[in-house]
């Protein structure tokens, strides 16, 4: 076996191991603490049929396949799942970045709908917006996440730093979507506290983020949660984003 083959084999095993562990953590945490993935009548559910389908796919894979081949197959599946159009209810300025969101989601191994949800709430697709607190760009990333020589408002750079932090929050929250969103907004220390002690902004972020993501993941044509976010002031941000993109 060549050195290259050994490297591919080791990488294949790591990919499979990491994906299995991530799936097991997701199952354990979401079933144990109440997932907030699919919303029906103001109640949130995890799509158990999806977990069952994934388990069946994994169980029926030929065990004698080369691990590198399995890893490549998994990467292709992940890439396909992060392609296509975003949910139609996302704001036009967010839809403007649809192709890039697909690209970033695949490049940084982030759920496309989750990435789009964060962009929707943070900037509504405004690439140069700066918050009062100093957060910048499409994903409203704080300056301390960047290197000194990086352009914080460059979309690709901003997406890389935002996705890196979102992945960190996803791990810190044991893959619970709502907690990952709360971490992204309020920091990792927030999610170690009871929800009623979270800052009001983080509580709202949690509610809006989970609702919008749930509707996107479910393939809904409309999101009532997004409508509430727009009414709460998001519409002004989206108007500003449209003006910026029209320049």
C-alpha atoms as a PDB file:
ATOM      1  CA  UNK A   1       0.000   0.000   0.000  1.00  0.00           C
ATOM      2  CA  UNK A   2       1.432   3.362  -0.993  1.00  0.00           C
ATOM      3  CA  UNK A   3       1.834   6.266   1.396  1.00  0.00           C
ATOM      4  CA  UNK A   4      -0.947   8.125  -0.427  1.00  0.00           C
ATOM      5  CA  UNK A   5      -3.275   5.133  -0.059  1.00  0.00           C
ATOM      6  CA  UNK A   6      -2.528   4.906   3.650  1.00  0.00           C
ATOM      7  CA  UNK A   7      -3.290   8.603   4.061  1.00  0.00           C
ATOM      8  CA  UNK A   8      -6.606   8.208   2.223  1.00  0.00           C
ATOM      9  CA  UNK A   9      -7.467   5.171   4.319  1.00  0.00           C
ATOM     10  CA  UNK A  10      -6.735   6.971   7.583  1.00  0.00           C
ATOM     11  CA  UNK A  11      -8.691   9.998   6.430  1.00  0.00           C
ATOM     12  CA  UNK A  12     -11.587   7.776   5.412  1.00  0.00           C
ATOM     13  CA  UNK A  13     -11.766   6.163   8.846  1.00  0.00           C
ATOM     14  CA  UNK A  14     -11.646   9.563  10.532  1.00  0.00           C
ATOM     15  CA  UNK A  15     -14.473  10.913   8.366  1.00  0.00           C
ATOM     16  CA  UNK A  16     -16.643   7.862   9.045  1.00  0.00           C
ATOM     17  CA  UNK A  17     -15.853   7.947  12.769  1.00  0.00           C
ATOM     18  CA  UNK A  18     -16.586  11.664  13.078  1.00  0.00           C
ATOM     19  CA  UNK A  19     -19.853  11.399  11.153  1.00  0.00           C
ATOM     20  CA  UNK A  20     -21.037   8.442  13.241  1.00  0.00           C
ATOM     21  CA  UNK A  21     -20.134  10.162  16.505  1.00  0.00           C
ATOM     22  CA  UNK A  22     -21.834  13.345  15.369  1.00  0.00           C
ATOM     23  CA  UNK A  23     -24.989  11.411  14.473  1.00  0.00           C
ATOM     24  CA  UNK A  24     -24.981   9.552  17.797  1.00  0.00           C
ATOM     25  CA  UNK A  25     -24.526  12.799  19.747  1.00  0.00           C
ATOM     26  CA  UNK A  26     -27.321  14.392  17.778  1.00  0.00           C
ATOM     27  CA  UNK A  27     -29.662  11.483  18.538  1.00  0.00           C
ATOM     28  CA  UNK A  28     -28.760  11.393  22.213  1.00  0.00           C
ATOM     29  CA  UNK A  29     -28.961  15.115  22.863  1.00  0.00           C
ATOM     30  CA  UNK A  30     -32.008  15.845  20.773  1.00  0.00           C
ATOM     31  CA  UNK A  31     -34.033  12.938  22.109  1.00  0.00           C
ATOM     32  CA  UNK A  32     -32.896  13.603  25.667  1.00  0.00           C
ATOM     33  CA  UNK A  33     -33.315  17.385  25.754  1.00  0.00           C
ATOM     34  CA  UNK A  34     -35.979  18.063  23.214  1.00  0.00           C
ATOM     35  CA  UNK A  35     -34.804  18.988  19.711  1.00  0.00           C
ATOM     36  CA  UNK A  36     -35.995  22.080  17.962  1.00  0.00           C
ATOM     37  CA  UNK A  37     -35.853  21.076  14.340  1.00  0.00           C
ATOM     38  CA  UNK A  38     -39.356  20.662  12.962  1.00  0.00           C
ATOM     39  CA  UNK A  39     -42.163  22.961  14.071  1.00  0.00           C
ATOM     40  CA  UNK A  40     -45.794  21.885  14.117  1.00  0.00           C
ATOM     41  CA  UNK A  41     -48.439  23.854  15.952  1.00  0.00           C
ATOM     42  CA  UNK A  42     -45.800  25.662  17.995  1.00  0.00           C
ATOM     43  CA  UNK A  43     -44.235  22.345  19.039  1.00  0.00           C
ATOM     44  CA  UNK A  44     -40.826  21.323  17.742  1.00  0.00           C
ATOM     45  CA  UNK A  45     -39.819  17.823  16.723  1.00  0.00           C
ATOM     46  CA  UNK A  46     -36.787  16.074  15.299  1.00  0.00           C
ATOM     47  CA  UNK A  47     -37.542  14.177  12.050  1.00  0.00           C
ATOM     48  CA  UNK A  48     -36.993  10.657  13.375  1.00  0.00           C
ATOM     49  CA  UNK A  49     -37.543   9.161   9.932  1.00  0.00           C
ATOM     50  CA  UNK A  50     -34.391  10.948   8.802  1.00  0.00           C
ATOM     51  CA  UNK A  51     -32.315   9.425  11.584  1.00  0.00           C
ATOM     52  CA  UNK A  52     -33.747   5.999  10.803  1.00  0.00           C
ATOM     53  CA  UNK A  53     -32.953   6.455   7.114  1.00  0.00           C
ATOM     54  CA  UNK A  54     -29.378   7.452   7.899  1.00  0.00           C
ATOM     55  CA  UNK A  55     -28.970   4.465  10.195  1.00  0.00           C
ATOM     56  CA  UNK A  56     -30.253   2.133   7.470  1.00  0.00           C
ATOM     57  CA  UNK A  57     -27.902   3.632   4.903  1.00  0.00           C
ATOM     58  CA  UNK A  58     -24.944   3.147   7.217  1.00  0.00           C
ATOM     59  CA  UNK A  59     -26.016  -0.371   8.159  1.00  0.00           C
ATOM     60  CA  UNK A  60     -26.383  -1.525   4.556  1.00  0.00           C
ATOM     61  CA  UNK A  61     -23.055  -0.193   3.270  1.00  0.00           C
ATOM     62  CA  UNK A  62     -20.748  -3.063   2.239  1.00  0.00           C
ATOM     63  CA  UNK A  63     -18.318  -3.518   5.118  1.00  0.00           C
ATOM     64  CA  UNK A  64     -15.543  -4.590   2.748  1.00  0.00           C
ATOM     65  CA  UNK A  65     -15.526  -1.286   0.872  1.00  0.00           C
ATOM     66  CA  UNK A  66     -12.327   0.674   1.105  1.00  0.00           C
ATOM     67  CA  UNK A  67     -12.712   3.323   3.818  1.00  0.00           C
ATOM     68  CA  UNK A  68     -11.437   6.043   1.511  1.00  0.00           C
ATOM     69  CA  UNK A  69     -14.135   5.141  -1.006  1.00  0.00           C
ATOM     70  CA  UNK A  70     -16.774   5.353   1.710  1.00  0.00           C
ATOM     71  CA  UNK A  71     -15.450   8.721   2.792  1.00  0.00           C
ATOM     72  CA  UNK A  72     -15.573   9.984  -0.793  1.00  0.00           C
ATOM     73  CA  UNK A  73     -19.143   8.718  -1.128  1.00  0.00           C
ATOM     74  CA  UNK A  74     -20.129  10.498   2.093  1.00  0.00           C
ATOM     75  CA  UNK A  75     -18.529  13.734   0.953  1.00  0.00           C
ATOM     76  CA  UNK A  76     -20.429  13.563  -2.348  1.00  0.00           C
ATOM     77  CA  UNK A  77     -23.708  13.017  -0.472  1.00  0.00           C
ATOM     78  CA  UNK A  78     -22.970  15.946   1.828  1.00  0.00           C
ATOM     79  CA  UNK A  79     -22.106  18.138  -1.158  1.00  0.00           C
ATOM     80  CA  UNK A  80     -25.355  17.268  -2.943  1.00  0.00           C
ATOM     81  CA  UNK A  81     -27.374  17.978   0.206  1.00  0.00           C
ATOM     82  CA  UNK A  82     -25.899  21.484   0.287  1.00  0.00           C
ATOM     83  CA  UNK A  83     -26.803  22.298  -3.306  1.00  0.00           C
ATOM     84  CA  UNK A  84     -29.942  23.730  -4.829  1.00  0.00           C
ATOM     85  CA  UNK A  85     -32.128  26.674  -3.989  1.00  0.00           C
ATOM     86  CA  UNK A  86     -32.728  28.029  -0.534  1.00  0.00           C
ATOM     87  CA  UNK A  87     -36.217  27.974   0.927  1.00  0.00           C
ATOM     88  CA  UNK A  88     -38.330  30.493  -0.957  1.00  0.00           C
ATOM     89  CA  UNK A  89     -39.228  32.492   2.151  1.00  0.00           C
ATOM     90  CA  UNK A  90     -35.689  33.742   2.766  1.00  0.00           C
ATOM     91  CA  UNK A  91     -35.349  37.452   2.012  1.00  0.00           C
ATOM     92  CA  UNK A  92     -34.339  38.423  -1.554  1.00  0.00           C
ATOM     93  CA  UNK A  93     -31.021  39.811  -0.309  1.00  0.00           C
ATOM     94  CA  UNK A  94     -30.253  36.452   1.318  1.00  0.00           C
ATOM     95  CA  UNK A  95     -31.321  34.626  -1.853  1.00  0.00           C
ATOM     96  CA  UNK A  96     -28.761  36.789  -3.654  1.00  0.00           C
ATOM     97  CA  UNK A  97     -26.071  34.787  -1.846  1.00  0.00           C
ATOM     98  CA  UNK A  98     -27.654  31.387  -2.497  1.00  0.00           C
ATOM     99  CA  UNK A  99     -24.808  30.073  -4.635  1.00  0.00           C
ATOM    100  CA  UNK A 100     -22.179  31.259  -2.190  1.00  0.00           C
ATOM    101  CA  UNK A 101     -24.103  29.820   0.763  1.00  0.00           C
ATOM    102  CA  UNK A 102     -24.081  26.425  -0.952  1.00  0.00           C
ATOM    103  CA  UNK A 103     -20.351  26.797  -1.581  1.00  0.00           C
ATOM    104  CA  UNK A 104     -19.564  27.868   1.981  1.00  0.00           C
ATOM    105  CA  UNK A 105     -21.773  25.177   3.487  1.00  0.00           C
ATOM    106  CA  UNK A 106     -19.880  22.471   1.617  1.00  0.00           C
ATOM    107  CA  UNK A 107     -16.460  24.034   2.122  1.00  0.00           C
ATOM    108  CA  UNK A 108     -16.842  24.396   5.895  1.00  0.00           C
ATOM    109  CA  UNK A 109     -19.143  21.391   6.535  1.00  0.00           C
ATOM    110  CA  UNK A 110     -22.032  23.500   7.805  1.00  0.00           C
ATOM    111  CA  UNK A 111     -25.736  22.829   7.289  1.00  0.00           C
ATOM    112  CA  UNK A 112     -26.806  25.089   4.412  1.00  0.00           C
ATOM    113  CA  UNK A 113     -30.141  25.981   6.012  1.00  0.00           C
ATOM    114  CA  UNK A 114     -28.409  26.816   9.287  1.00  0.00           C
ATOM    115  CA  UNK A 115     -25.918  29.066   7.504  1.00  0.00           C
ATOM    116  CA  UNK A 116     -28.722  30.813   5.626  1.00  0.00           C
ATOM    117  CA  UNK A 117     -30.681  31.246   8.867  1.00  0.00           C
ATOM    118  CA  UNK A 118     -27.725  32.917  10.569  1.00  0.00           C
ATOM    119  CA  UNK A 119     -27.213  35.242   7.597  1.00  0.00           C
ATOM    120  CA  UNK A 120     -30.924  36.083   7.572  1.00  0.00           C
ATOM    121  CA  UNK A 121     -30.958  37.158  11.205  1.00  0.00           C
ATOM    122  CA  UNK A 122     -27.501  38.719  11.354  1.00  0.00           C
ATOM    123  CA  UNK A 123     -27.392  40.835   8.200  1.00  0.00           C
ATOM    124  CA  UNK A 124     -30.267  39.866   5.888  1.00  0.00           C
ATOM    125  CA  UNK A 125     -27.593  39.599   3.215  1.00  0.00           C
ATOM    126  CA  UNK A 126     -26.022  43.030   3.783  1.00  0.00           C
ATOM    127  CA  UNK A 127     -22.295  42.505   3.126  1.00  0.00           C
ATOM    128  CA  UNK A 128     -20.950  45.681   4.751  1.00  0.00           C
ATOM    129  CA  UNK A 129     -23.256  46.228   7.703  1.00  0.00           C
ATOM    130  CA  UNK A 130     -21.592  46.978  11.052  1.00  0.00           C
ATOM    131  CA  UNK A 131     -23.482  46.651  14.327  1.00  0.00           C
ATOM    132  CA  UNK A 132     -23.329  48.994  17.302  1.00  0.00           C
ATOM    133  CA  UNK A 133     -21.264  46.339  19.103  1.00  0.00           C
ATOM    134  CA  UNK A 134     -18.798  46.241  16.211  1.00  0.00           C
ATOM    135  CA  UNK A 135     -19.842  42.968  14.564  1.00  0.00           C
ATOM    136  CA  UNK A 136     -19.207  43.063  10.830  1.00  0.00           C
ATOM    137  CA  UNK A 137     -20.415  41.727   7.536  1.00  0.00           C
ATOM    138  CA  UNK A 138     -22.760  39.020   6.320  1.00  0.00           C
ATOM    139  CA  UNK A 139     -22.419  36.901   9.439  1.00  0.00           C
ATOM    140  CA  UNK A 140     -21.807  39.754  11.891  1.00  0.00           C
ATOM    141  CA  UNK A 141     -18.479  38.420  13.100  1.00  0.00           C
ATOM    142  CA  UNK A 142     -16.686  40.275  15.870  1.00  0.00           C
ATOM    143  CA  UNK A 143     -13.239  41.726  14.989  1.00  0.00           C
ATOM    144  CA  UNK A 144     -11.323  39.481  17.400  1.00  0.00           C
ATOM    145  CA  UNK A 145     -12.177  36.464  15.220  1.00  0.00           C
ATOM    146  CA  UNK A 146     -10.071  37.866  12.357  1.00  0.00           C
ATOM    147  CA  UNK A 147      -6.368  38.083  11.723  1.00  0.00           C
ATOM    148  CA  UNK A 148      -4.942  41.591  11.521  1.00  0.00           C
ATOM    149  CA  UNK A 149      -4.329  41.326   7.770  1.00  0.00           C
ATOM    150  CA  UNK A 150      -7.828  40.098   6.881  1.00  0.00           C
ATOM    151  CA  UNK A 151     -10.586  42.155   5.265  1.00  0.00           C
ATOM    152  CA  UNK A 152     -13.446  41.613   7.697  1.00  0.00           C
ATOM    153  CA  UNK A 153     -16.075  42.714   5.178  1.00  0.00           C
ATOM    154  CA  UNK A 154     -14.885  40.460   2.364  1.00  0.00           C
ATOM    155  CA  UNK A 155     -17.760  37.954   1.944  1.00  0.00           C
ATOM    156  CA  UNK A 156     -15.551  34.872   1.685  1.00  0.00           C
ATOM    157  CA  UNK A 157     -13.417  35.881   4.656  1.00  0.00           C
ATOM    158  CA  UNK A 158     -16.445  36.817   6.722  1.00  0.00           C
ATOM    159  CA  UNK A 159     -18.126  33.513   5.838  1.00  0.00           C
ATOM    160  CA  UNK A 160     -15.017  31.530   6.765  1.00  0.00           C
ATOM    161  CA  UNK A 161     -14.753  33.148  10.179  1.00  0.00           C
ATOM    162  CA  UNK A 162     -18.500  32.971  10.770  1.00  0.00           C
ATOM    163  CA  UNK A 163     -18.715  29.314   9.757  1.00  0.00           C
ATOM    164  CA  UNK A 164     -15.699  28.448  11.907  1.00  0.00           C
ATOM    165  CA  UNK A 165     -17.348  29.985  14.951  1.00  0.00           C
ATOM    166  CA  UNK A 166     -20.690  28.373  14.124  1.00  0.00           C
ATOM    167  CA  UNK A 167     -18.986  24.986  13.920  1.00  0.00           C
ATOM    168  CA  UNK A 168     -17.365  25.659  17.285  1.00  0.00           C
ATOM    169  CA  UNK A 169     -20.768  26.485  18.763  1.00  0.00           C
ATOM    170  CA  UNK A 170     -22.243  23.358  17.194  1.00  0.00           C
ATOM    171  CA  UNK A 171     -19.647  21.262  18.988  1.00  0.00           C
ATOM    172  CA  UNK A 172     -19.976  23.183  22.251  1.00  0.00           C
ATOM    173  CA  UNK A 173     -23.734  22.568  22.225  1.00  0.00           C
ATOM    174  CA  UNK A 174     -23.414  18.836  21.431  1.00  0.00           C
ATOM    175  CA  UNK A 175     -25.048  19.423  18.035  1.00  0.00           C
ATOM    176  CA  UNK A 176     -28.281  20.906  19.423  1.00  0.00           C
ATOM    177  CA  UNK A 177     -29.388  23.476  16.847  1.00  0.00           C
ATOM    178  CA  UNK A 178     -31.052  25.910  19.238  1.00  0.00           C
ATOM    179  CA  UNK A 179     -28.119  25.929  21.652  1.00  0.00           C
ATOM    180  CA  UNK A 180     -25.661  26.388  18.774  1.00  0.00           C
ATOM    181  CA  UNK A 181     -27.593  29.478  17.692  1.00  0.00           C
ATOM    182  CA  UNK A 182     -27.678  30.815  21.250  1.00  0.00           C
ATOM    183  CA  UNK A 183     -23.917  30.280  21.468  1.00  0.00           C
ATOM    184  CA  UNK A 184     -23.375  32.130  18.193  1.00  0.00           C
ATOM    185  CA  UNK A 185     -25.294  35.108  19.517  1.00  0.00           C
ATOM    186  CA  UNK A 186     -24.417  35.183  23.194  1.00  0.00           C
ATOM    187  CA  UNK A 187     -21.180  33.227  23.418  1.00  0.00           C
ATOM    188  CA  UNK A 188     -20.452  29.734  24.734  1.00  0.00           C
ATOM    189  CA  UNK A 189     -20.883  30.816  28.347  1.00  0.00           C
ATOM    190  CA  UNK A 190     -24.524  31.589  27.677  1.00  0.00           C
ATOM    191  CA  UNK A 191     -25.584  28.022  26.939  1.00  0.00           C
ATOM    192  CA  UNK A 192     -24.285  26.774  30.282  1.00  0.00           C
ATOM    193  CA  UNK A 193     -26.964  28.870  31.988  1.00  0.00           C
ATOM    194  CA  UNK A 194     -30.706  28.190  32.259  1.00  0.00           C
ATOM    195  CA  UNK A 195     -32.568  29.623  29.306  1.00  0.00           C
ATOM    196  CA  UNK A 196     -34.553  32.042  31.459  1.00  0.00           C
ATOM    197  CA  UNK A 197     -31.272  33.701  32.466  1.00  0.00           C
ATOM    198  CA  UNK A 198     -30.161  34.347  28.925  1.00  0.00           C
ATOM    199  CA  UNK A 199     -30.138  37.974  27.729  1.00  0.00           C
ATOM    200  CA  UNK A 200     -33.371  38.953  26.027  1.00  0.00           C
ATOM    201  CA  UNK A 201     -31.545  39.340  22.722  1.00  0.00           C
ATOM    202  CA  UNK A 202     -30.273  35.761  22.901  1.00  0.00           C
ATOM    203  CA  UNK A 203     -33.703  34.434  23.845  1.00  0.00           C
ATOM    204  CA  UNK A 204     -35.191  36.159  20.806  1.00  0.00           C
ATOM    205  CA  UNK A 205     -32.317  34.957  18.625  1.00  0.00           C
ATOM    206  CA  UNK A 206     -32.945  31.396  19.807  1.00  0.00           C
ATOM    207  CA  UNK A 207     -36.665  31.629  19.089  1.00  0.00           C
ATOM    208  CA  UNK A 208     -36.270  33.227  15.674  1.00  0.00           C
ATOM    209  CA  UNK A 209     -33.334  31.079  14.623  1.00  0.00           C
ATOM    210  CA  UNK A 210     -34.910  27.777  15.574  1.00  0.00           C
ATOM    211  CA  UNK A 211     -38.210  28.683  13.941  1.00  0.00           C
ATOM    212  CA  UNK A 212     -36.670  29.885  10.677  1.00  0.00           C
ATOM    213  CA  UNK A 213     -34.286  26.936  10.496  1.00  0.00           C
ATOM    214  CA  UNK A 214     -37.089  24.472  11.251  1.00  0.00           C
ATOM    215  CA  UNK A 215     -39.211  25.858   8.439  1.00  0.00           C
ATOM    216  CA  UNK A 216     -36.279  25.781   6.013  1.00  0.00           C
ATOM    217  CA  UNK A 217     -35.338  22.210   6.957  1.00  0.00           C
ATOM    218  CA  UNK A 218     -38.957  21.130   6.552  1.00  0.00           C
ATOM    219  CA  UNK A 219     -39.123  22.645   3.070  1.00  0.00           C
ATOM    220  CA  UNK A 220     -41.906  25.060   4.015  1.00  0.00           C
ATOM    221  CA  UNK A 221     -42.987  27.680   1.514  1.00  0.00           C
ATOM    222  CA  UNK A 222     -43.480  30.238   4.264  1.00  0.00           C
ATOM    223  CA  UNK A 223     -42.060  30.916   7.706  1.00  0.00           C
ATOM    224  CA  UNK A 224     -44.295  32.545  10.297  1.00  0.00           C
ATOM    225  CA  UNK A 225     -41.235  33.013  12.498  1.00  0.00           C
ATOM    226  CA  UNK A 226     -39.479  34.961   9.762  1.00  0.00           C
ATOM    227  CA  UNK A 227     -42.560  37.151   9.426  1.00  0.00           C
ATOM    228  CA  UNK A 228     -42.371  37.882  13.172  1.00  0.00           C
ATOM    229  CA  UNK A 229     -38.674  38.702  12.853  1.00  0.00           C
ATOM    230  CA  UNK A 230     -39.410  41.122  10.015  1.00  0.00           C
ATOM    231  CA  UNK A 231     -42.159  42.789  12.051  1.00  0.00           C
ATOM    232  CA  UNK A 232     -39.815  43.107  15.033  1.00  0.00           C
ATOM    233  CA  UNK A 233     -37.415  45.265  13.024  1.00  0.00           C
ATOM    234  CA  UNK A 234     -35.798  42.879  10.584  1.00  0.00           C
ATOM    235  CA  UNK A 235     -37.563  44.519   7.646  1.00  0.00           C
ATOM    236  CA  UNK A 236     -35.443  47.663   8.066  1.00  0.00           C
ATOM    237  CA  UNK A 237     -32.271  45.618   7.893  1.00  0.00           C
ATOM    238  CA  UNK A 238     -33.509  43.862   4.770  1.00  0.00           C
ATOM    239  CA  UNK A 239     -34.397  47.149   3.102  1.00  0.00           C
ATOM    240  CA  UNK A 240     -30.886  48.395   3.809  1.00  0.00           C
ATOM    241  CA  UNK A 241     -29.450  45.161   2.380  1.00  0.00           C
ATOM    242  CA  UNK A 242     -31.441  45.546  -0.841  1.00  0.00           C
ATOM    243  CA  UNK A 243     -30.208  49.103  -1.272  1.00  0.00           C
ATOM    244  CA  UNK A 244     -26.622  48.029  -0.713  1.00  0.00           C
ATOM    245  CA  UNK A 245     -26.819  45.176  -3.238  1.00  0.00           C
ATOM    246  CA  UNK A 246     -28.471  47.463  -5.800  1.00  0.00           C
ATOM    247  CA  UNK A 247     -25.474  49.798  -5.881  1.00  0.00           C
END
